[in-house]
Amino acid sequence: MEETLVILKPDCVQKKLAGRVIARFEEAGLAIAGMKMALLDDALLDEHYAHLKDKPFFPELKNVMKSSPVVLMVLRGDNAVEAVRAMCGPTDSKKALKGTIRGDYGTDVQRNIVHASDSRETAEKEITRFFSKSELFGWRLQGIQKE
């Protein structure tokens, strides 16, 4: 089993699409190992998007990500990172195919509904950044028994 971080971005929450997006992940066989809402602050966004800090669009990205609460989720399943990335589609919603989350609901490269970890290593770092161990649950996918 693999875990990955997903952030339902402010545009997802504002458009009232969170339930639809979560349902897509669950229907694909992924399990929710942790979920919560949060308002992201400058310090957390600076850390999360450190690789983009020098880009000219970074201030706007931070403003978008602080414009409303987000839904943070850890999803668990076989090849979760790759599966979630495929379901989301390309970062630029204008380039995403219909049938992907970004292709169906996104607007552009920043208002693209969802953030998804891009590798196992990134997922581990991002999960630790946003969740404590006590906020994650080890439910088995085949029922409701704890691991």
C-alpha atoms as a PDB file:
ATOM      1  CA  MET A   1       0.000   0.000   0.000  1.00  0.00           C
ATOM      2  CA  GLU A   2       1.168   3.474  -0.867  1.00  0.00           C
ATOM      3  CA  GLU A   3       0.058   6.834   0.491  1.00  0.00           C
ATOM      4  CA  THR A   4      -0.131  10.215  -1.197  1.00  0.00           C
ATOM      5  CA  LEU A   5      -1.161  13.731  -0.235  1.00  0.00           C
ATOM      6  CA  VAL A   6      -4.028  15.495  -1.975  1.00  0.00           C
ATOM      7  CA  ILE A   7      -5.072  19.083  -1.387  1.00  0.00           C
ATOM      8  CA  LEU A   8      -8.492  20.138  -2.607  1.00  0.00           C
ATOM      9  CA  LYS A   9      -7.628  23.728  -3.417  1.00  0.00           C
ATOM     10  CA  PRO A  10      -9.688  26.837  -2.628  1.00  0.00           C
ATOM     11  CA  ASP A  11     -11.347  26.812  -6.066  1.00  0.00           C
ATOM     12  CA  CYS A  12     -12.569  23.251  -5.419  1.00  0.00           C
ATOM     13  CA  VAL A  13     -14.026  24.240  -2.048  1.00  0.00           C
ATOM     14  CA  GLN A  14     -15.506  27.499  -3.394  1.00  0.00           C
ATOM     15  CA  LYS A  15     -17.190  25.677  -6.313  1.00  0.00           C
ATOM     16  CA  LYS A  16     -18.606  23.083  -3.870  1.00  0.00           C
ATOM     17  CA  LEU A  17     -16.901  20.231  -5.724  1.00  0.00           C
ATOM     18  CA  ALA A  18     -15.113  18.572  -2.790  1.00  0.00           C
ATOM     19  CA  GLY A  19     -17.628  15.735  -2.482  1.00  0.00           C
ATOM     20  CA  ARG A  20     -17.495  14.947  -6.195  1.00  0.00           C
ATOM     21  CA  VAL A  21     -13.691  14.893  -6.230  1.00  0.00           C
ATOM     22  CA  ILE A  22     -13.474  12.747  -3.089  1.00  0.00           C
ATOM     23  CA  ALA A  23     -16.038  10.336  -4.580  1.00  0.00           C
ATOM     24  CA  ARG A  24     -13.870   9.903  -7.686  1.00  0.00           C
ATOM     25  CA  PHE A  25     -10.907   8.865  -5.570  1.00  0.00           C
ATOM     26  CA  GLU A  26     -12.987   6.436  -3.512  1.00  0.00           C
ATOM     27  CA  GLU A  27     -14.653   4.961  -6.616  1.00  0.00           C
ATOM     28  CA  ALA A  28     -11.156   4.304  -7.986  1.00  0.00           C
ATOM     29  CA  GLY A  29     -10.452   2.117  -4.950  1.00  0.00           C
ATOM     30  CA  LEU A  30      -8.408   4.583  -2.895  1.00  0.00           C
ATOM     31  CA  ALA A  31      -9.056   4.816   0.837  1.00  0.00           C
ATOM     32  CA  ILE A  32      -8.989   7.971   2.934  1.00  0.00           C
ATOM     33  CA  ALA A  33      -6.344   7.533   5.629  1.00  0.00           C
ATOM     34  CA  GLY A  34      -6.720  11.096   6.924  1.00  0.00           C
ATOM     35  CA  MET A  35      -8.705  14.214   6.080  1.00  0.00           C
ATOM     36  CA  LYS A  36      -9.175  17.705   7.492  1.00  0.00           C
ATOM     37  CA  MET A  37      -9.847  21.308   6.507  1.00  0.00           C
ATOM     38  CA  ALA A  38      -7.368  24.109   7.090  1.00  0.00           C
ATOM     39  CA  LEU A  39      -6.515  27.670   6.209  1.00  0.00           C
ATOM     40  CA  LEU A  40      -2.965  27.702   4.900  1.00  0.00           C
ATOM     41  CA  ASP A  41      -0.638  30.462   6.097  1.00  0.00           C
ATOM     42  CA  ASP A  42       2.418  32.097   4.518  1.00  0.00           C
ATOM     43  CA  ALA A  43       4.959  29.992   6.422  1.00  0.00           C
ATOM     44  CA  LEU A  44       3.352  26.688   5.409  1.00  0.00           C
ATOM     45  CA  LEU A  45       2.930  27.797   1.796  1.00  0.00           C
ATOM     46  CA  ASP A  46       6.544  29.017   1.653  1.00  0.00           C
ATOM     47  CA  GLU A  47       7.676  25.570   2.794  1.00  0.00           C
ATOM     48  CA  HIS A  48       5.282  23.607   0.584  1.00  0.00           C
ATOM     49  CA  TYR A  49       6.047  25.599  -2.557  1.00  0.00           C
ATOM     50  CA  ALA A  50       9.737  26.323  -1.801  1.00  0.00           C
ATOM     51  CA  HIS A  51      10.663  25.038  -5.267  1.00  0.00           C
ATOM     52  CA  LEU A  52       8.525  27.838  -6.784  1.00  0.00           C
ATOM     53  CA  LYS A  53       9.550  30.747  -4.508  1.00  0.00           C
ATOM     54  CA  ASP A  54      11.632  32.486  -7.176  1.00  0.00           C
ATOM     55  CA  LYS A  55       8.963  32.243  -9.888  1.00  0.00           C
ATOM     56  CA  PRO A  56       7.116  35.456 -10.829  1.00  0.00           C
ATOM     57  CA  PHE A  57       3.726  33.793 -10.223  1.00  0.00           C
ATOM     58  CA  PHE A  58       4.545  32.725  -6.641  1.00  0.00           C
ATOM     59  CA  PRO A  59       2.819  35.673  -4.871  1.00  0.00           C
ATOM     60  CA  GLU A  60      -0.390  35.042  -6.835  1.00  0.00           C
ATOM     61  CA  LEU A  61      -0.178  31.312  -6.105  1.00  0.00           C
ATOM     62  CA  LYS A  62       0.038  32.068  -2.377  1.00  0.00           C
ATOM     63  CA  ASN A  63      -2.920  34.455  -2.600  1.00  0.00           C
ATOM     64  CA  VAL A  64      -5.001  31.828  -4.389  1.00  0.00           C
ATOM     65  CA  MET A  65      -4.080  29.155  -1.829  1.00  0.00           C
ATOM     66  CA  LYS A  66      -5.010  31.478   1.075  1.00  0.00           C
ATOM     67  CA  SER A  67      -8.331  32.625  -0.435  1.00  0.00           C
ATOM     68  CA  SER A  68     -10.411  30.022   1.429  1.00  0.00           C
ATOM     69  CA  PRO A  69      -9.971  26.809   3.413  1.00  0.00           C
ATOM     70  CA  VAL A  70      -8.580  23.742   1.687  1.00  0.00           C
ATOM     71  CA  VAL A  71      -9.299  20.071   2.261  1.00  0.00           C
ATOM     72  CA  LEU A  72      -6.175  18.055   3.040  1.00  0.00           C
ATOM     73  CA  MET A  73      -6.295  14.297   2.478  1.00  0.00           C
ATOM     74  CA  VAL A  74      -4.010  11.322   2.660  1.00  0.00           C
ATOM     75  CA  LEU A  75      -5.142   8.633   0.250  1.00  0.00           C
ATOM     76  CA  ARG A  76      -3.954   5.045   0.460  1.00  0.00           C
ATOM     77  CA  GLY A  77      -3.992   2.340  -2.184  1.00  0.00           C
ATOM     78  CA  ASP A  78      -1.979   0.390  -4.716  1.00  0.00           C
ATOM     79  CA  ASN A  79       0.287   2.791  -6.625  1.00  0.00           C
ATOM     80  CA  ALA A  80      -1.592   5.688  -5.011  1.00  0.00           C
ATOM     81  CA  VAL A  81       0.786   8.417  -6.203  1.00  0.00           C
ATOM     82  CA  GLU A  82       0.607   7.388  -9.843  1.00  0.00           C
ATOM     83  CA  ALA A  83      -3.133   6.628  -9.713  1.00  0.00           C
ATOM     84  CA  VAL A  84      -4.003  10.016  -8.221  1.00  0.00           C
ATOM     85  CA  ARG A  85      -1.749  11.894 -10.659  1.00  0.00           C
ATOM     86  CA  ALA A  86      -3.420  10.140 -13.604  1.00  0.00           C
ATOM     87  CA  MET A  87      -6.885  10.943 -12.260  1.00  0.00           C
ATOM     88  CA  CYS A  88      -5.976  14.619 -11.802  1.00  0.00           C
ATOM     89  CA  GLY A  89      -4.482  15.206 -15.255  1.00  0.00           C
ATOM     90  CA  PRO A  90      -1.859  17.835 -16.150  1.00  0.00           C
ATOM     91  CA  THR A  91      -1.306  20.823 -13.850  1.00  0.00           C
ATOM     92  CA  ASP A  92      -2.644  23.217 -16.500  1.00  0.00           C
ATOM     93  CA  SER A  93      -6.381  22.551 -16.579  1.00  0.00           C
ATOM     94  CA  LYS A  94      -6.542  23.915 -20.133  1.00  0.00           C
ATOM     95  CA  LYS A  95      -4.321  21.011 -21.248  1.00  0.00           C
ATOM     96  CA  ALA A  96      -6.137  18.361 -19.191  1.00  0.00           C
ATOM     97  CA  LEU A  97      -8.419  15.913 -20.952  1.00  0.00           C
ATOM     98  CA  LYS A  98     -12.109  15.674 -20.145  1.00  0.00           C
ATOM     99  CA  GLY A  99     -12.593  12.825 -17.724  1.00  0.00           C
ATOM    100  CA  THR A 100      -9.727  13.980 -15.527  1.00  0.00           C
ATOM    101  CA  ILE A 101     -10.451  16.060 -12.433  1.00  0.00           C
ATOM    102  CA  ARG A 102      -8.646  19.125 -13.761  1.00  0.00           C
ATOM    103  CA  GLY A 103     -10.085  18.684 -17.244  1.00  0.00           C
ATOM    104  CA  ASP A 104     -13.626  18.513 -15.893  1.00  0.00           C
ATOM    105  CA  TYR A 105     -13.483  21.163 -13.175  1.00  0.00           C
ATOM    106  CA  GLY A 106     -10.311  23.277 -13.434  1.00  0.00           C
ATOM    107  CA  THR A 107      -9.900  26.700 -15.003  1.00  0.00           C
ATOM    108  CA  ASP A 108      -6.171  27.241 -15.508  1.00  0.00           C
ATOM    109  CA  VAL A 109      -2.746  26.367 -14.101  1.00  0.00           C
ATOM    110  CA  GLN A 110      -3.412  27.820 -10.606  1.00  0.00           C
ATOM    111  CA  ARG A 111      -7.145  27.263 -10.282  1.00  0.00           C
ATOM    112  CA  ASN A 112      -6.823  23.597 -11.082  1.00  0.00           C
ATOM    113  CA  ILE A 113      -8.915  22.095  -8.271  1.00  0.00           C
ATOM    114  CA  VAL A 114      -6.321  19.787  -6.725  1.00  0.00           C
ATOM    115  CA  HIS A 115      -2.703  19.362  -5.670  1.00  0.00           C
ATOM    116  CA  ALA A 116      -1.288  15.835  -5.730  1.00  0.00           C
ATOM    117  CA  SER A 117       2.137  14.604  -4.641  1.00  0.00           C
ATOM    118  CA  ASP A 118       4.374  13.947  -7.652  1.00  0.00           C
ATOM    119  CA  SER A 119       6.440  11.053  -6.233  1.00  0.00           C
ATOM    120  CA  ARG A 120       6.630   8.669  -3.280  1.00  0.00           C
ATOM    121  CA  GLU A 121       9.414  10.752  -1.750  1.00  0.00           C
ATOM    122  CA  THR A 122       7.462  13.984  -2.124  1.00  0.00           C
ATOM    123  CA  ALA A 123       4.343  12.302  -0.733  1.00  0.00           C
ATOM    124  CA  GLU A 124       6.201  11.273   2.432  1.00  0.00           C
ATOM    125  CA  LYS A 125       7.458  14.831   2.988  1.00  0.00           C
ATOM    126  CA  GLU A 126       4.094  16.423   2.231  1.00  0.00           C
ATOM    127  CA  ILE A 127       2.132  14.035   4.449  1.00  0.00           C
ATOM    128  CA  THR A 128       4.494  14.803   7.337  1.00  0.00           C
ATOM    129  CA  ARG A 129       4.173  18.537   6.628  1.00  0.00           C
ATOM    130  CA  PHE A 130       0.378  18.539   6.901  1.00  0.00           C
ATOM    131  CA  PHE A 131      -0.528  15.584   9.166  1.00  0.00           C
ATOM    132  CA  SER A 132       0.618  14.252  12.516  1.00  0.00           C
ATOM    133  CA  LYS A 133       0.710  10.471  12.988  1.00  0.00           C
ATOM    134  CA  SER A 134      -2.332  10.692  15.272  1.00  0.00           C
ATOM    135  CA  GLU A 135      -4.375  12.159  12.403  1.00  0.00           C
ATOM    136  CA  LEU A 136      -3.777   9.168  10.126  1.00  0.00           C
ATOM    137  CA  PHE A 137      -5.693   5.942  10.333  1.00  0.00           C
ATOM    138  CA  GLY A 138      -4.724   2.478   9.143  1.00  0.00           C
ATOM    139  CA  TRP A 139      -8.034   1.158   7.914  1.00  0.00           C
ATOM    140  CA  ARG A 140      -7.930  -1.861   5.672  1.00  0.00           C
ATOM    141  CA  LEU A 141      -9.413  -1.395   2.242  1.00  0.00           C
ATOM    142  CA  GLN A 142     -11.478  -4.592   2.558  1.00  0.00           C
ATOM    143  CA  GLY A 143     -13.723  -3.592   5.432  1.00  0.00           C
ATOM    144  CA  ILE A 144     -13.581  -1.466   8.515  1.00  0.00           C
ATOM    145  CA  GLN A 145     -11.115  -3.296  10.728  1.00  0.00           C
ATOM    146  CA  LYS A 146      -8.086  -1.410  11.970  1.00  0.00           C
ATOM    147  CA  GLU A 147      -4.673  -2.708  10.924  1.00  0.00           C
END
